PDB file of N, CA and C in Angstrom:
ATOM      1  N   MET A   1       3.535  32.797  35.310  1.00  0.00           N
ATOM      2  CA  MET A   1       2.736  32.982  36.493  1.00  0.00           C
ATOM      3  C   MET A   1       3.685  33.139  37.677  1.00  0.00           C
ATOM      4  N   GLY A   2       3.296  33.948  38.607  1.00  0.00           N
ATOM      5  CA  GLY A   2       4.079  34.117  39.819  1.00  0.00           C
ATOM      6  C   GLY A   2       5.520  34.512  39.532  1.00  0.00           C
ATOM      7  N   SER A   3       6.433  33.839  40.160  1.00  0.00           N
ATOM      8  CA  SER A   3       7.861  34.145  40.029  1.00  0.00           C
ATOM      9  C   SER A   3       8.566  33.272  38.994  1.00  0.00           C
ATOM     10  N   SER A   4       7.829  32.633  38.115  1.00  0.00           N
ATOM     11  CA  SER A   4       8.417  31.702  37.145  1.00  0.00           C
ATOM     12  C   SER A   4       9.494  32.349  36.279  1.00  0.00           C
ATOM     13  N   LEU A   5       9.218  33.528  35.750  1.00  0.00           N
ATOM     14  CA  LEU A   5      10.192  34.201  34.889  1.00  0.00           C
ATOM     15  C   LEU A   5      11.451  34.554  35.672  1.00  0.00           C
ATOM     16  N   GLU A   6      11.275  35.070  36.870  1.00  0.00           N
ATOM     17  CA  GLU A   6      12.429  35.425  37.705  1.00  0.00           C
ATOM     18  C   GLU A   6      13.300  34.198  37.992  1.00  0.00           C
ATOM     19  N   LYS A   7      12.667  33.083  38.319  1.00  0.00           N
ATOM     20  CA  LYS A   7      13.414  31.854  38.587  1.00  0.00           C
ATOM     21  C   LYS A   7      14.136  31.375  37.340  1.00  0.00           C
ATOM     22  N   LEU A   8      13.453  31.415  36.221  1.00  0.00           N
ATOM     23  CA  LEU A   8      14.038  30.957  34.968  1.00  0.00           C
ATOM     24  C   LEU A   8      15.275  31.774  34.592  1.00  0.00           C
ATOM     25  N   THR A   9      15.254  33.058  34.854  1.00  0.00           N
ATOM     26  CA  THR A   9      16.403  33.899  34.497  1.00  0.00           C
ATOM     27  C   THR A   9      17.639  33.557  35.326  1.00  0.00           C
ATOM     28  N   ARG A  10      17.478  32.870  36.448  1.00  0.00           N
ATOM     29  CA  ARG A  10      18.615  32.469  37.277  1.00  0.00           C
ATOM     30  C   ARG A  10      19.205  31.119  36.885  1.00  0.00           C
ATOM     31  N   PHE A  11      18.579  30.427  35.949  1.00  0.00           N
ATOM     32  CA  PHE A  11      19.102  29.142  35.486  1.00  0.00           C
ATOM     33  C   PHE A  11      20.387  29.361  34.696  1.00  0.00           C
ATOM     34  N   PRO A  12      21.232  28.321  34.592  1.00  0.00           N
ATOM     35  CA  PRO A  12      22.426  28.434  33.744  1.00  0.00           C
ATOM     36  C   PRO A  12      22.045  28.770  32.302  1.00  0.00           C
ATOM     37  N   GLU A  13      22.900  29.503  31.633  1.00  0.00           N
ATOM     38  CA  GLU A  13      22.626  29.975  30.264  1.00  0.00           C
ATOM     39  C   GLU A  13      22.239  28.832  29.327  1.00  0.00           C
ATOM     40  N   ARG A  14      22.977  27.746  29.385  1.00  0.00           N
ATOM     41  CA  ARG A  14      22.695  26.593  28.510  1.00  0.00           C
ATOM     42  C   ARG A  14      21.290  26.052  28.759  1.00  0.00           C
ATOM     43  N   THR A  15      20.900  25.982  30.025  1.00  0.00           N
ATOM     44  CA  THR A  15      19.579  25.480  30.391  1.00  0.00           C
ATOM     45  C   THR A  15      18.486  26.429  29.908  1.00  0.00           C
ATOM     46  N   LYS A  16      18.706  27.736  30.081  1.00  0.00           N
ATOM     47  CA  LYS A  16      17.720  28.721  29.601  1.00  0.00           C
ATOM     48  C   LYS A  16      17.507  28.590  28.101  1.00  0.00           C
ATOM     49  N   LYS A  17      18.587  28.408  27.364  1.00  0.00           N
ATOM     50  CA  LYS A  17      18.459  28.276  25.909  1.00  0.00           C
ATOM     51  C   LYS A  17      17.703  27.005  25.532  1.00  0.00           C
ATOM     52  N   GLN A  18      18.011  25.899  26.219  1.00  0.00           N
ATOM     53  CA  GLN A  18      17.339  24.640  25.922  1.00  0.00           C
ATOM     54  C   GLN A  18      15.843  24.717  26.246  1.00  0.00           C
ATOM     55  N   LEU A  19      15.512  25.259  27.413  1.00  0.00           N
ATOM     56  CA  LEU A  19      14.102  25.376  27.791  1.00  0.00           C
ATOM     57  C   LEU A  19      13.375  26.397  26.918  1.00  0.00           C
ATOM     58  N   GLY A  20      14.056  27.487  26.574  1.00  0.00           N
ATOM     59  CA  GLY A  20      13.457  28.495  25.695  1.00  0.00           C
ATOM     60  C   GLY A  20      13.136  27.938  24.325  1.00  0.00           C
ATOM     61  N   ALA A  21      14.066  27.155  23.767  1.00  0.00           N
ATOM     62  CA  ALA A  21      13.835  26.539  22.455  1.00  0.00           C
ATOM     63  C   ALA A  21      12.667  25.553  22.527  1.00  0.00           C
ATOM     64  N   ALA A  22      12.590  24.813  23.630  1.00  0.00           N
ATOM     65  CA  ALA A  22      11.489  23.854  23.795  1.00  0.00           C
ATOM     66  C   ALA A  22      10.148  24.586  23.929  1.00  0.00           C
ATOM     67  N   LEU A  23      10.133  25.689  24.667  1.00  0.00           N
ATOM     68  CA  LEU A  23       8.899  26.478  24.789  1.00  0.00           C
ATOM     69  C   LEU A  23       8.466  27.040  23.440  1.00  0.00           C
ATOM     70  N   ARG A  24       9.414  27.441  22.632  1.00  0.00           N
ATOM     71  CA  ARG A  24       9.101  27.934  21.284  1.00  0.00           C
ATOM     72  C   ARG A  24       8.428  26.830  20.476  1.00  0.00           C
ATOM     73  N   GLN A  25       8.911  25.599  20.612  1.00  0.00           N
ATOM     74  CA  GLN A  25       8.278  24.472  19.918  1.00  0.00           C
ATOM     75  C   GLN A  25       6.829  24.304  20.389  1.00  0.00           C
ATOM     76  N   VAL A  26       6.624  24.411  21.697  1.00  0.00           N
ATOM     77  CA  VAL A  26       5.267  24.295  22.247  1.00  0.00           C
ATOM     78  C   VAL A  26       4.377  25.387  21.657  1.00  0.00           C
ATOM     79  N   GLN A  27       4.893  26.619  21.582  1.00  0.00           N
ATOM     80  CA  GLN A  27       4.132  27.727  21.013  1.00  0.00           C
ATOM     81  C   GLN A  27       3.761  27.466  19.558  1.00  0.00           C
ATOM     82  N   ASN A  28       4.585  26.703  18.866  1.00  0.00           N
ATOM     83  CA  ASN A  28       4.340  26.384  17.463  1.00  0.00           C
ATOM     84  C   ASN A  28       3.534  25.094  17.290  1.00  0.00           C
ATOM     85  N   GLY A  29       2.990  24.588  18.384  1.00  0.00           N
ATOM     86  CA  GLY A  29       2.128  23.414  18.310  1.00  0.00           C
ATOM     87  C   GLY A  29       2.852  22.086  18.285  1.00  0.00           C
ATOM     88  N   LEU A  30       4.148  22.087  18.584  1.00  0.00           N
ATOM     89  CA  LEU A  30       4.936  20.861  18.572  1.00  0.00           C
ATOM     90  C   LEU A  30       5.148  20.353  19.992  1.00  0.00           C
ATOM     91  N   THR A  31       5.564  19.108  20.109  1.00  0.00           N
ATOM     92  CA  THR A  31       5.896  18.535  21.408  1.00  0.00           C
ATOM     93  C   THR A  31       7.396  18.282  21.455  1.00  0.00           C
ATOM     94  N   PRO A  32       8.128  19.026  22.270  1.00  0.00           N
ATOM     95  CA  PRO A  32       9.575  18.839  22.357  1.00  0.00           C
ATOM     96  C   PRO A  32       9.938  17.470  22.928  1.00  0.00           C
ATOM     97  N   GLN A  33      11.117  16.994  22.591  1.00  0.00           N
ATOM     98  CA  GLN A  33      11.575  15.701  23.114  1.00  0.00           C
ATOM     99  C   GLN A  33      11.734  15.723  24.623  1.00  0.00           C
ATOM    100  N   ILE A  34      12.001  16.878  25.201  1.00  0.00           N
ATOM    101  CA  ILE A  34      12.231  16.958  26.645  1.00  0.00           C
ATOM    102  C   ILE A  34      10.942  17.208  27.431  1.00  0.00           C
ATOM    103  N   ALA A  35       9.790  17.117  26.766  1.00  0.00           N
ATOM    104  CA  ALA A  35       8.492  17.356  27.418  1.00  0.00           C
ATOM    105  C   ALA A  35       7.858  16.045  27.839  1.00  0.00           C
ATOM    106  N   ARG A  36       7.109  16.123  28.941  1.00  0.00           N
ATOM    107  CA  ARG A  36       6.295  14.975  29.345  1.00  0.00           C
ATOM    108  C   ARG A  36       5.066  15.502  30.063  1.00  0.00           C
ATOM    109  N   PRO A  37       3.941  14.808  29.890  1.00  0.00           N
ATOM    110  CA  PRO A  37       2.716  15.259  30.558  1.00  0.00           C
ATOM    111  C   PRO A  37       2.773  14.975  32.059  1.00  0.00           C
ATOM    112  N   LEU A  38       2.142  15.838  32.822  1.00  0.00           N
ATOM    113  CA  LEU A  38       1.979  15.634  34.267  1.00  0.00           C
ATOM    114  C   LEU A  38       0.498  15.369  34.518  1.00  0.00           C
ATOM    115  N   ASN A  39       0.067  14.187  34.173  1.00  0.00           N
ATOM    116  CA  ASN A  39      -1.356  13.829  34.213  1.00  0.00           C
ATOM    117  C   ASN A  39      -1.976  13.980  35.588  1.00  0.00           C
ATOM    118  N   SER A  40      -1.191  13.872  36.647  1.00  0.00           N
ATOM    119  CA  SER A  40      -1.753  13.981  37.990  1.00  0.00           C
ATOM    120  C   SER A  40      -2.262  15.394  38.289  1.00  0.00           C
ATOM    121  N   TYR A  41      -1.893  16.377  37.442  1.00  0.00           N
ATOM    122  CA  TYR A  41      -2.354  17.755  37.622  1.00  0.00           C
ATOM    123  C   TYR A  41      -3.494  18.110  36.679  1.00  0.00           C
ATOM    124  N   GLY A  42      -3.903  17.178  35.852  1.00  0.00           N
ATOM    125  CA  GLY A  42      -5.003  17.426  34.934  1.00  0.00           C
ATOM    126  C   GLY A  42      -4.541  17.555  33.499  1.00  0.00           C
ATOM    127  N   SER A  43      -5.492  17.646  32.628  1.00  0.00           N
ATOM    128  CA  SER A  43      -5.224  17.733  31.202  1.00  0.00           C
ATOM    129  C   SER A  43      -4.507  19.036  30.837  1.00  0.00           C
ATOM    130  N   GLY A  44      -3.487  18.915  30.010  1.00  0.00           N
ATOM    131  CA  GLY A  44      -2.789  20.091  29.505  1.00  0.00           C
ATOM    132  C   GLY A  44      -1.592  20.538  30.316  1.00  0.00           C
ATOM    133  N   VAL A  45      -1.309  19.881  31.441  1.00  0.00           N
ATOM    134  CA  VAL A  45      -0.157  20.265  32.259  1.00  0.00           C
ATOM    135  C   VAL A  45       1.026  19.378  31.862  1.00  0.00           C
ATOM    136  N   HIS A  46       2.133  20.036  31.527  1.00  0.00           N
ATOM    137  CA  HIS A  46       3.340  19.331  31.071  1.00  0.00           C
ATOM    138  C   HIS A  46       4.564  19.924  31.744  1.00  0.00           C
ATOM    139  N   GLU A  47       5.658  19.177  31.674  1.00  0.00           N
ATOM    140  CA  GLU A  47       6.919  19.706  32.170  1.00  0.00           C
ATOM    141  C   GLU A  47       8.007  19.515  31.131  1.00  0.00           C
ATOM    142  N   LEU A  48       8.960  20.422  31.165  1.00  0.00           N
ATOM    143  CA  LEU A  48      10.185  20.319  30.382  1.00  0.00           C
ATOM    144  C   LEU A  48      11.293  20.055  31.372  1.00  0.00           C
ATOM    145  N   LYS A  49      12.184  19.112  31.049  1.00  0.00           N
ATOM    146  CA  LYS A  49      13.301  18.807  31.932  1.00  0.00           C
ATOM    147  C   LYS A  49      14.604  18.988  31.171  1.00  0.00           C
ATOM    148  N   ALA A  50      15.547  19.669  31.821  1.00  0.00           N
ATOM    149  CA  ALA A  50      16.862  19.867  31.227  1.00  0.00           C
ATOM    150  C   ALA A  50      17.908  19.691  32.317  1.00  0.00           C
ATOM    151  N   SER A  51      19.028  19.088  31.962  1.00  0.00           N
ATOM    152  CA  SER A  51      20.106  18.874  32.921  1.00  0.00           C
ATOM    153  C   SER A  51      21.345  19.632  32.489  1.00  0.00           C
ATOM    154  N   THR A  52      21.990  20.251  33.464  1.00  0.00           N
ATOM    155  CA  THR A  52      23.232  20.976  33.233  1.00  0.00           C
ATOM    156  C   THR A  52      24.159  20.708  34.408  1.00  0.00           C
ATOM    157  N   ARG A  53      25.360  20.247  34.123  1.00  0.00           N
ATOM    158  CA  ARG A  53      26.374  19.990  35.148  1.00  0.00           C
ATOM    159  C   ARG A  53      25.836  19.147  36.302  1.00  0.00           C
ATOM    160  N   GLY A  54      25.049  18.133  35.983  1.00  0.00           N
ATOM    161  CA  GLY A  54      24.541  17.234  37.008  1.00  0.00           C
ATOM    162  C   GLY A  54      23.292  17.708  37.737  1.00  0.00           C
ATOM    163  N   ASP A  55      22.850  18.925  37.477  1.00  0.00           N
ATOM    164  CA  ASP A  55      21.624  19.441  38.095  1.00  0.00           C
ATOM    165  C   ASP A  55      20.478  19.334  37.098  1.00  0.00           C
ATOM    166  N   THR A  56      19.291  19.028  37.606  1.00  0.00           N
ATOM    167  CA  THR A  56      18.112  18.914  36.752  1.00  0.00           C
ATOM    168  C   THR A  56      17.187  20.094  37.005  1.00  0.00           C
ATOM    169  N   TYR A  57      16.783  20.749  35.928  1.00  0.00           N
ATOM    170  CA  TYR A  57      15.899  21.909  35.991  1.00  0.00           C
ATOM    171  C   TYR A  57      14.577  21.540  35.336  1.00  0.00           C
ATOM    172  N   ARG A  58      13.497  22.041  35.900  1.00  0.00           N
ATOM    173  CA  ARG A  58      12.170  21.750  35.369  1.00  0.00           C
ATOM    174  C   ARG A  58      11.398  23.038  35.149  1.00  0.00           C
ATOM    175  N   LEU A  59      10.586  23.008  34.124  1.00  0.00           N
ATOM    176  CA  LEU A  59       9.684  24.112  33.817  1.00  0.00           C
ATOM    177  C   LEU A  59       8.322  23.477  33.579  1.00  0.00           C
ATOM    178  N   VAL A  60       7.326  23.883  34.338  1.00  0.00           N
ATOM    179  CA  VAL A  60       5.982  23.308  34.227  1.00  0.00           C
ATOM    180  C   VAL A  60       5.078  24.334  33.548  1.00  0.00           C
ATOM    181  N   TYR A  61       4.325  23.879  32.548  1.00  0.00           N
ATOM    182  CA  TYR A  61       3.469  24.787  31.799  1.00  0.00           C
ATOM    183  C   TYR A  61       2.104  24.164  31.541  1.00  0.00           C
ATOM    184  N   LEU A  62       1.162  25.023  31.210  1.00  0.00           N
ATOM    185  CA  LEU A  62      -0.220  24.619  30.955  1.00  0.00           C
ATOM    186  C   LEU A  62      -0.605  25.042  29.549  1.00  0.00           C
ATOM    187  N   ILE A  63      -1.106  24.092  28.774  1.00  0.00           N
ATOM    188  CA  ILE A  63      -1.578  24.383  27.418  1.00  0.00           C
ATOM    189  C   ILE A  63      -3.082  24.153  27.381  1.00  0.00           C
ATOM    190  N   LYS A  64      -3.656  24.235  26.212  1.00  0.00           N
ATOM    191  CA  LYS A  64      -5.093  24.008  25.999  1.00  0.00           C
ATOM    192  C   LYS A  64      -5.955  25.111  26.591  1.00  0.00           C
ATOM    193  N   LEU A  65      -5.413  26.315  26.661  1.00  0.00           N
ATOM    194  CA  LEU A  65      -6.205  27.454  27.094  1.00  0.00           C
ATOM    195  C   LEU A  65      -6.303  28.438  25.937  1.00  0.00           C
ATOM    196  N   LYS A  66      -7.340  29.261  25.920  1.00  0.00           N
ATOM    197  CA  LYS A  66      -7.608  30.160  24.794  1.00  0.00           C
ATOM    198  C   LYS A  66      -6.544  31.239  24.620  1.00  0.00           C
ATOM    199  N   LYS A  67      -6.057  31.793  25.741  1.00  0.00           N
ATOM    200  CA  LYS A  67      -5.120  32.922  25.657  1.00  0.00           C
ATOM    201  C   LYS A  67      -3.683  32.510  25.411  1.00  0.00           C
ATOM    202  N   GLY A  68      -3.390  31.225  25.462  1.00  0.00           N
ATOM    203  CA  GLY A  68      -2.031  30.789  25.175  1.00  0.00           C
ATOM    204  C   GLY A  68      -1.493  29.800  26.186  1.00  0.00           C
ATOM    205  N   ILE A  69      -0.176  29.784  26.294  1.00  0.00           N
ATOM    206  CA  ILE A  69       0.536  28.874  27.176  1.00  0.00           C
ATOM    207  C   ILE A  69       0.877  29.622  28.459  1.00  0.00           C
ATOM    208  N   TYR A  70       0.643  28.984  29.572  1.00  0.00           N
ATOM    209  CA  TYR A  70       0.957  29.577  30.869  1.00  0.00           C
ATOM    210  C   TYR A  70       2.117  28.804  31.492  1.00  0.00           C
ATOM    211  N   VAL A  71       3.217  29.487  31.767  1.00  0.00           N
ATOM    212  CA  VAL A  71       4.325  28.869  32.498  1.00  0.00           C
ATOM    213  C   VAL A  71       3.972  28.972  33.974  1.00  0.00           C
ATOM    214  N   LEU A  72       3.807  27.827  34.610  1.00  0.00           N
ATOM    215  CA  LEU A  72       3.337  27.776  35.987  1.00  0.00           C
ATOM    216  C   LEU A  72       4.465  27.886  37.003  1.00  0.00           C
ATOM    217  N   ASP A  73       5.609  27.271  36.713  1.00  0.00           N
ATOM    218  CA  ASP A  73       6.722  27.315  37.654  1.00  0.00           C
ATOM    219  C   ASP A  73       7.993  26.843  36.958  1.00  0.00           C
ATOM    220  N   ALA A  74       9.113  27.262  37.512  1.00  0.00           N
ATOM    221  CA  ALA A  74      10.433  26.839  37.062  1.00  0.00           C
ATOM    222  C   ALA A  74      11.251  26.605  38.317  1.00  0.00           C
ATOM    223  N   PHE A  75      11.927  25.463  38.378  1.00  0.00           N
ATOM    224  CA  PHE A  75      12.680  25.148  39.583  1.00  0.00           C
ATOM    225  C   PHE A  75      13.777  24.137  39.292  1.00  0.00           C
ATOM    226  N   MET A  76      14.757  24.086  40.208  1.00  0.00           N
ATOM    227  CA  MET A  76      15.796  23.081  40.129  1.00  0.00           C
ATOM    228  C   MET A  76      15.370  21.922  41.010  1.00  0.00           C
ATOM    229  N   LYS A  77      15.403  20.734  40.454  1.00  0.00           N
ATOM    230  CA  LYS A  77      15.028  19.534  41.205  1.00  0.00           C
ATOM    231  C   LYS A  77      16.176  19.183  42.130  1.00  0.00           C
ATOM    232  N   LYS A  78      15.936  19.238  43.439  1.00  0.00           N
ATOM    233  CA  LYS A  78      16.987  19.016  44.421  1.00  0.00           C
ATOM    234  C   LYS A  78      16.928  17.638  45.056  1.00  0.00           C
ATOM    235  N   SER A  79      15.782  16.998  45.040  1.00  0.00           N
ATOM    236  CA  SER A  79      15.606  15.725  45.728  1.00  0.00           C
ATOM    237  C   SER A  79      16.449  14.635  45.090  1.00  0.00           C
ATOM    238  N   LYS A  80      17.113  13.874  45.908  1.00  0.00           N
ATOM    239  CA  LYS A  80      17.902  12.736  45.442  1.00  0.00           C
ATOM    240  C   LYS A  80      17.124  11.439  45.619  1.00  0.00           C
ATOM    241  N   THR A  81      15.914  11.537  46.175  1.00  0.00           N
ATOM    242  CA  THR A  81      15.171  10.336  46.550  1.00  0.00           C
ATOM    243  C   THR A  81      14.022  10.007  45.615  1.00  0.00           C
ATOM    244  N   GLY A  82      14.023  10.498  44.426  1.00  0.00           N
ATOM    245  CA  GLY A  82      12.956  10.138  43.516  1.00  0.00           C
ATOM    246  C   GLY A  82      12.644  11.220  42.512  1.00  0.00           C
ATOM    247  N   ARG A  83      11.647  10.936  41.686  1.00  0.00           N
ATOM    248  CA  ARG A  83      11.287  11.838  40.595  1.00  0.00           C
ATOM    249  C   ARG A  83      10.111  12.731  40.951  1.00  0.00           C
ATOM    250  N   ARG A  84       9.507  12.506  42.090  1.00  0.00           N
ATOM    251  CA  ARG A  84       8.325  13.276  42.485  1.00  0.00           C
ATOM    252  C   ARG A  84       8.641  14.754  42.663  1.00  0.00           C
ATOM    253  N   ILE A  85       7.652  15.557  42.361  1.00  0.00           N
ATOM    254  CA  ILE A  85       7.765  16.994  42.590  1.00  0.00           C
ATOM    255  C   ILE A  85       7.541  17.234  44.082  1.00  0.00           C
ATOM    256  N   PRO A  86       8.412  17.999  44.735  1.00  0.00           N
ATOM    257  CA  PRO A  86       8.261  18.261  46.167  1.00  0.00           C
ATOM    258  C   PRO A  86       6.888  18.851  46.507  1.00  0.00           C
ATOM    259  N   LYS A  87       6.410  18.546  47.710  1.00  0.00           N
ATOM    260  CA  LYS A  87       5.059  18.927  48.136  1.00  0.00           C
ATOM    261  C   LYS A  87       4.793  20.426  48.033  1.00  0.00           C
ATOM    262  N   GLU A  88       5.740  21.263  48.460  1.00  0.00           N
ATOM    263  CA  GLU A  88       5.491  22.714  48.415  1.00  0.00           C
ATOM    264  C   GLU A  88       5.364  23.215  46.976  1.00  0.00           C
ATOM    265  N   ILE A  89       6.117  22.618  46.067  1.00  0.00           N
ATOM    266  CA  ILE A  89       6.006  23.004  44.657  1.00  0.00           C
ATOM    267  C   ILE A  89       4.693  22.479  44.089  1.00  0.00           C
ATOM    268  N   SER A  90       4.328  21.265  44.452  1.00  0.00           N
ATOM    269  CA  SER A  90       3.068  20.683  43.990  1.00  0.00           C
ATOM    270  C   SER A  90       1.874  21.537  44.416  1.00  0.00           C
ATOM    271  N   THR A  91       1.890  21.993  45.660  1.00  0.00           N
ATOM    272  CA  THR A  91       0.823  22.859  46.164  1.00  0.00           C
ATOM    273  C   THR A  91       0.772  24.159  45.369  1.00  0.00           C
ATOM    274  N   ARG A  92       1.940  24.745  45.105  1.00  0.00           N
ATOM    275  CA  ARG A  92       2.013  25.986  44.320  1.00  0.00           C
ATOM    276  C   ARG A  92       1.502  25.756  42.900  1.00  0.00           C
ATOM    277  N   LEU A  93       1.846  24.620  42.301  1.00  0.00           N
ATOM    278  CA  LEU A  93       1.372  24.318  40.945  1.00  0.00           C
ATOM    279  C   LEU A  93      -0.151  24.230  40.895  1.00  0.00           C
ATOM    280  N   LYS A  94      -0.736  23.557  41.849  1.00  0.00           N
ATOM    281  CA  LYS A  94      -2.199  23.423  41.873  1.00  0.00           C
ATOM    282  C   LYS A  94      -2.870  24.786  41.966  1.00  0.00           C
ATOM    283  N   GLN A  95      -2.325  25.665  42.787  1.00  0.00           N
ATOM    284  CA  GLN A  95      -2.883  27.011  42.929  1.00  0.00           C
ATOM    285  C   GLN A  95      -2.734  27.788  41.619  1.00  0.00           C
ATOM    286  N   ARG A  96      -1.568  27.702  40.996  1.00  0.00           N
ATOM    287  CA  ARG A  96      -1.335  28.450  39.758  1.00  0.00           C
ATOM    288  C   ARG A  96      -2.158  27.915  38.594  1.00  0.00           C
ATOM    289  N   ILE A  97      -2.457  26.625  38.604  1.00  0.00           N
ATOM    290  CA  ILE A  97      -3.332  26.062  37.574  1.00  0.00           C
ATOM    291  C   ILE A  97      -4.719  26.697  37.694  1.00  0.00           C
ATOM    292  N   LYS A  98      -5.221  26.792  38.916  1.00  0.00           N
ATOM    293  CA  LYS A  98      -6.520  27.437  39.145  1.00  0.00           C
ATOM    294  C   LYS A  98      -6.485  28.893  38.677  1.00  0.00           C
ATOM    295  N   GLU A  99      -5.425  29.603  39.031  1.00  0.00           N
ATOM    296  CA  GLU A  99      -5.298  31.010  38.648  1.00  0.00           C
ATOM    297  C   GLU A  99      -5.210  31.167  37.133  1.00  0.00           C
ATOM    298  N   ALA A 100      -4.464  30.300  36.476  1.00  0.00           N
ATOM    299  CA  ALA A 100      -4.326  30.384  35.018  1.00  0.00           C
ATOM    300  C   ALA A 100      -5.662  30.137  34.331  1.00  0.00           C
ATOM    301  N   ARG A 101      -6.394  29.154  34.790  1.00  0.00           N
ATOM    302  CA  ARG A 101      -7.700  28.853  34.189  1.00  0.00           C
ATOM    303  C   ARG A 101      -8.685  29.983  34.416  1.00  0.00           C
ATOM    304  N   ALA A 102      -8.634  30.600  35.604  1.00  0.00           N
ATOM    305  CA  ALA A 102      -9.507  31.751  35.887  1.00  0.00           C
ATOM    306  C   ALA A 102      -9.122  32.948  34.998  1.00  0.00           C
ATOM    307  N   HIS A 103      -7.833  33.206  34.874  1.00  0.00           N
ATOM    308  CA  HIS A 103      -7.339  34.298  34.040  1.00  0.00           C
ATOM    309  C   HIS A 103      -7.726  34.083  32.590  1.00  0.00           C
ATOM    310  N   ASP A 104      -7.675  32.857  32.140  1.00  0.00           N
ATOM    311  CA  ASP A 104      -8.004  32.527  30.754  1.00  0.00           C
ATOM    312  C   ASP A 104      -9.481  32.781  30.447  1.00  0.00           C
ATOM    313  N   LYS A 105     -10.334  32.708  31.447  1.00  0.00           N
ATOM    314  CA  LYS A 105     -11.780  32.915  31.245  1.00  0.00           C
ATOM    315  C   LYS A 105     -12.160  34.391  31.248  1.00  0.00           C
ATOM    316  N   GLU A 106     -11.266  35.263  31.743  1.00  0.00           N
ATOM    317  CA  GLU A 106     -11.580  36.701  31.821  1.00  0.00           C
ATOM    318  C   GLU A 106     -11.707  37.322  30.446  1.00  0.00           C
TER     319      GLU A 106
END
Protein backbone atom coordinates (compact mmCIF):
# COMPACT_ATOMS: atom_id res chain seq x y z
CA MET A 1 0.00 0.00 0.00
CA GLY A 2 1.19 3.51 -0.67
CA SER A 3 4.96 3.87 -0.73
CA SER A 4 5.68 0.70 1.27
CA LEU A 5 7.48 -1.10 -1.56
CA GLU A 6 9.58 1.95 -2.40
CA LYS A 7 10.61 2.35 1.24
CA LEU A 8 11.39 -1.33 1.60
CA THR A 9 13.71 -1.28 -1.42
CA ARG A 10 15.85 1.36 0.36
CA PHE A 11 16.47 -0.87 3.38
CA PRO A 12 19.88 -2.56 3.78
CA GLU A 13 20.18 -5.77 1.75
CA ARG A 14 20.39 -7.99 4.85
CA THR A 15 17.23 -6.41 6.27
CA LYS A 16 15.33 -6.81 2.98
CA LYS A 17 16.22 -10.49 2.88
CA GLN A 18 15.18 -11.04 6.49
CA LEU A 19 11.86 -9.22 6.09
CA GLY A 20 11.22 -10.88 2.71
CA ALA A 21 11.77 -14.35 4.17
CA ALA A 22 9.43 -13.50 7.06
CA LEU A 23 6.75 -12.25 4.65
CA ARG A 24 7.06 -15.50 2.70
CA GLN A 25 6.36 -17.38 5.95
CA VAL A 26 3.27 -15.22 6.51
CA GLN A 27 2.11 -16.00 2.95
CA ASN A 28 2.48 -19.70 3.77
CA GLY A 29 0.30 -19.37 6.86
CA LEU A 30 3.16 -19.36 9.38
CA THR A 31 4.06 -16.85 12.07
CA PRO A 32 7.69 -15.72 11.85
CA GLN A 33 9.73 -15.34 15.03
CA ILE A 34 10.22 -11.64 14.28
CA ALA A 35 6.45 -10.97 14.06
CA ARG A 36 4.23 -9.50 16.73
CA PRO A 37 0.60 -8.40 16.68
CA LEU A 38 -0.29 -4.71 16.86
CA ASN A 39 -3.57 -5.16 18.69
CA SER A 40 -4.12 -1.42 19.09
CA TYR A 41 -4.79 -1.27 15.31
CA GLY A 42 -7.33 -4.08 15.30
CA SER A 43 -7.41 -7.74 14.46
CA GLY A 44 -4.96 -8.98 11.84
CA VAL A 45 -2.44 -6.12 12.02
CA HIS A 46 1.12 -7.29 12.72
CA GLU A 47 4.64 -6.00 12.45
CA LEU A 48 7.96 -7.55 11.53
CA LYS A 49 11.05 -6.10 13.20
CA ALA A 50 14.61 -6.50 11.99
CA SER A 51 17.80 -4.83 13.16
CA THR A 52 20.87 -4.10 11.07
CA ARG A 53 23.96 -2.21 12.27
CA GLY A 54 22.11 -0.84 15.30
CA ASP A 55 19.11 0.43 13.32
CA THR A 56 15.66 -1.12 13.70
CA TYR A 57 13.42 -1.54 10.67
CA ARG A 58 9.72 -2.33 10.80
CA LEU A 59 7.24 -3.63 8.28
CA VAL A 60 3.55 -3.49 9.19
CA TYR A 61 1.09 -5.78 7.42
CA LEU A 62 -2.55 -6.79 7.53
CA ILE A 63 -3.77 -10.38 7.28
CA LYS A 64 -7.22 -11.98 7.50
CA LEU A 65 -8.45 -10.45 4.27
CA LYS A 66 -9.82 -12.40 1.28
CA LYS A 67 -7.43 -11.05 -1.37
CA GLY A 68 -4.28 -11.70 0.62
CA ILE A 69 -1.75 -9.89 2.76
CA TYR A 70 -1.49 -6.12 2.59
CA VAL A 71 1.83 -4.47 3.47
CA LEU A 72 0.74 -1.22 5.07
CA ASP A 73 4.06 0.50 5.71
CA ALA A 74 7.80 0.00 6.03
CA PHE A 75 9.99 2.35 8.03
CA MET A 76 13.13 2.72 10.10
CA LYS A 77 12.40 3.24 13.78
CA LYS A 78 14.24 6.43 14.72
CA SER A 79 12.89 7.19 18.19
CA LYS A 80 15.26 6.58 21.07
CA THR A 81 12.54 7.22 23.65
CA GLY A 82 10.45 4.10 23.45
CA ARG A 83 8.86 1.39 21.37
CA ARG A 84 5.79 3.34 20.27
CA ILE A 85 5.15 3.95 16.61
CA PRO A 86 5.48 7.69 15.87
CA LYS A 87 2.19 9.60 15.54
CA GLU A 88 2.52 10.43 11.83
CA ILE A 89 3.18 6.78 10.99
CA SER A 90 0.32 5.67 13.24
CA THR A 91 -2.06 8.04 11.44
CA ARG A 92 -0.87 6.71 8.06
CA LEU A 93 -1.34 3.11 9.24
CA LYS A 94 -4.92 3.75 10.31
CA GLN A 95 -5.73 5.28 6.93
CA ARG A 96 -4.09 2.41 5.02
CA ILE A 97 -5.95 -0.17 7.10
CA LYS A 98 -9.23 1.45 6.02
CA GLU A 99 -8.06 1.52 2.39
CA ALA A 100 -6.94 -2.12 2.48
CA ARG A 101 -10.25 -3.30 3.93
CA ALA A 102 -12.18 -1.28 1.33
CA HIS A 103 -10.00 -2.65 -1.49
CA ASP A 104 -10.50 -6.18 -0.20
CA LYS A 105 -14.30 -5.80 -0.45
CA GLU A 106 -14.21 -4.68 -4.11
